[in-house]
Each structure stands twice: as C-alpha cells, then as structure tokens.
Protein backbone atom coordinates (compact mmCIF):
# COMPACT_ATOMS: atom_id res chain seq x y z
CA UNK A 1 114.74 97.54 50.17
CA UNK A 2 113.08 96.10 53.09
CA UNK A 3 113.32 92.44 51.20
CA UNK A 4 116.65 93.08 51.20
CA UNK A 5 117.33 93.91 54.77
CA UNK A 6 115.44 90.82 56.12
CA UNK A 7 117.47 88.77 53.70
CA UNK A 8 120.98 89.99 55.01
CA UNK A 9 119.35 89.60 58.74
CA UNK A 10 118.90 86.07 58.00
CA UNK A 11 121.82 85.18 56.45
CA UNK A 12 123.80 86.81 59.26
CA UNK A 13 121.82 84.61 61.57
CA UNK A 14 122.78 81.68 59.92
CA UNK A 15 126.15 82.55 59.86
CA UNK A 16 126.72 83.24 63.51
CA UNK A 17 124.44 80.85 65.09
CA UNK A 18 126.10 81.30 68.43
CA UNK A 19 126.44 85.01 68.35
CA UNK A 20 122.74 85.26 67.20
CA UNK A 21 121.48 83.28 70.07
CA UNK A 22 123.35 85.07 72.60
CA UNK A 23 121.98 88.29 71.50
CA UNK A 24 118.62 87.11 71.24
CA UNK A 25 118.62 85.28 74.81
CA UNK A 26 120.08 88.72 76.29
CA UNK A 27 117.41 90.95 74.70
CA UNK A 28 114.51 88.30 75.79
CA UNK A 29 115.92 88.50 79.48
CA UNK A 30 116.62 92.16 79.60
CA UNK A 31 112.82 92.90 78.16
CA UNK A 32 111.61 90.09 80.93
CA UNK A 33 113.59 91.69 83.45
CA UNK A 34 112.04 95.52 82.45
CA UNK A 35 108.71 94.41 82.28
CA UNK A 36 108.82 92.07 85.73
CA UNK A 37 110.08 95.77 87.06
CA UNK A 38 107.80 97.82 85.72
CA UNK A 39 104.98 95.79 87.02
CA UNK A 40 106.16 95.70 90.58
CA UNK A 41 106.82 99.66 90.53
CA UNK A 42 102.78 99.92 88.94
CA UNK A 43 101.62 97.80 92.06
CA UNK A 44 103.67 99.53 94.49
CA UNK A 45 102.36 102.75 93.43
CA UNK A 46 98.76 101.78 93.28
CA UNK A 47 98.66 100.44 96.90
CA UNK A 48 95.79 101.69 98.93
CA UNK A 49 94.55 103.83 95.75
CA UNK A 50 91.14 102.69 96.04
CA UNK A 51 90.49 104.64 99.40
CA UNK A 52 88.71 107.81 99.13
CA UNK A 53 91.30 109.44 101.49
CA UNK A 54 94.03 107.81 99.98
CA UNK A 55 96.29 110.73 100.61
CA UNK A 56 95.96 110.36 104.05
CA UNK A 57 96.81 106.72 104.26
CA UNK A 58 100.51 105.92 105.57
CA UNK A 59 102.16 102.49 105.97
CA UNK A 60 104.21 102.29 109.09
CA UNK A 61 107.27 99.77 109.21
CA UNK A 62 109.05 101.11 111.99
CA UNK A 63 109.55 100.57 115.75
CA UNK A 64 109.91 103.49 117.57
CA UNK A 65 111.42 102.88 121.21
CA UNK A 66 112.42 105.33 124.19
CA UNK A 67 115.64 106.04 125.35
CA UNK A 68 115.42 103.79 128.36
CA UNK A 69 114.47 101.03 126.09
CA UNK A 70 110.76 100.71 126.55
CA UNK A 71 108.48 100.63 123.30
CA UNK A 72 105.79 103.24 122.67
CA UNK A 73 102.79 102.84 120.45
CA UNK A 74 103.10 103.47 116.98
CA UNK A 75 99.99 105.92 116.65
CA UNK A 76 101.16 108.17 120.04
CA UNK A 77 104.52 108.49 118.42
CA UNK A 78 103.19 109.42 114.91
CA UNK A 79 100.92 112.20 117.03
CA UNK A 80 103.85 113.60 118.57
CA UNK A 81 105.89 113.82 115.56
CA UNK A 82 103.40 115.33 112.89
CA UNK A 83 101.85 118.30 114.15
CA UNK A 84 99.01 117.92 111.11
CA UNK A 85 97.94 114.56 111.68
CA UNK A 86 94.56 114.21 112.81
CA UNK A 87 93.93 110.92 115.45
CA UNK A 88 91.42 108.58 113.97
CA UNK A 89 91.52 109.24 110.51
C-alpha cells in the first residue's frame, strides 16, 4: 500500500513539474522562515538569562525628557517611576 502511494507521488511530480516545483520551493521557504523566526524568538527570550538575578534585569531603550526640554538621567527616572526598585542592584 505504501509503495503504491509513493508511486503515485512520483508520477504526479513528473507529470506536473512546474506545479510540483512551486510547491516544493514554497514549502522550503516557509520552513526556513519558520526556523529563522523560532531561532530569533528563542535568542530574544534567553537574553541575559545567565545572570543570577535575571528576573531583576531590565533593558532600557527610551529617553526621558522633562516638560522644559531637559533630559533626565535614566536611573533617576526609573527610581521615581517604580516604587519597588532598589538602587544599585
């Protein structure tokens, strides 16, 4: 039975070469994109996980500025905005 299925697959592949090529290339591109996205997500989730206090680490990528246009240090703004943070940890 399995031999019959394989035989039918090869016959259809040979009969419809262009259609089969499009399907195989599309499947390959889809799988490659999935693997790349999966690797990227796993890398981003594992960022700084080797530290002992990894749950207390934050990556700051914003600039804070005052209403007068001056810029404040990031550490000072974070201490003001989060009551549970500990300075220097």
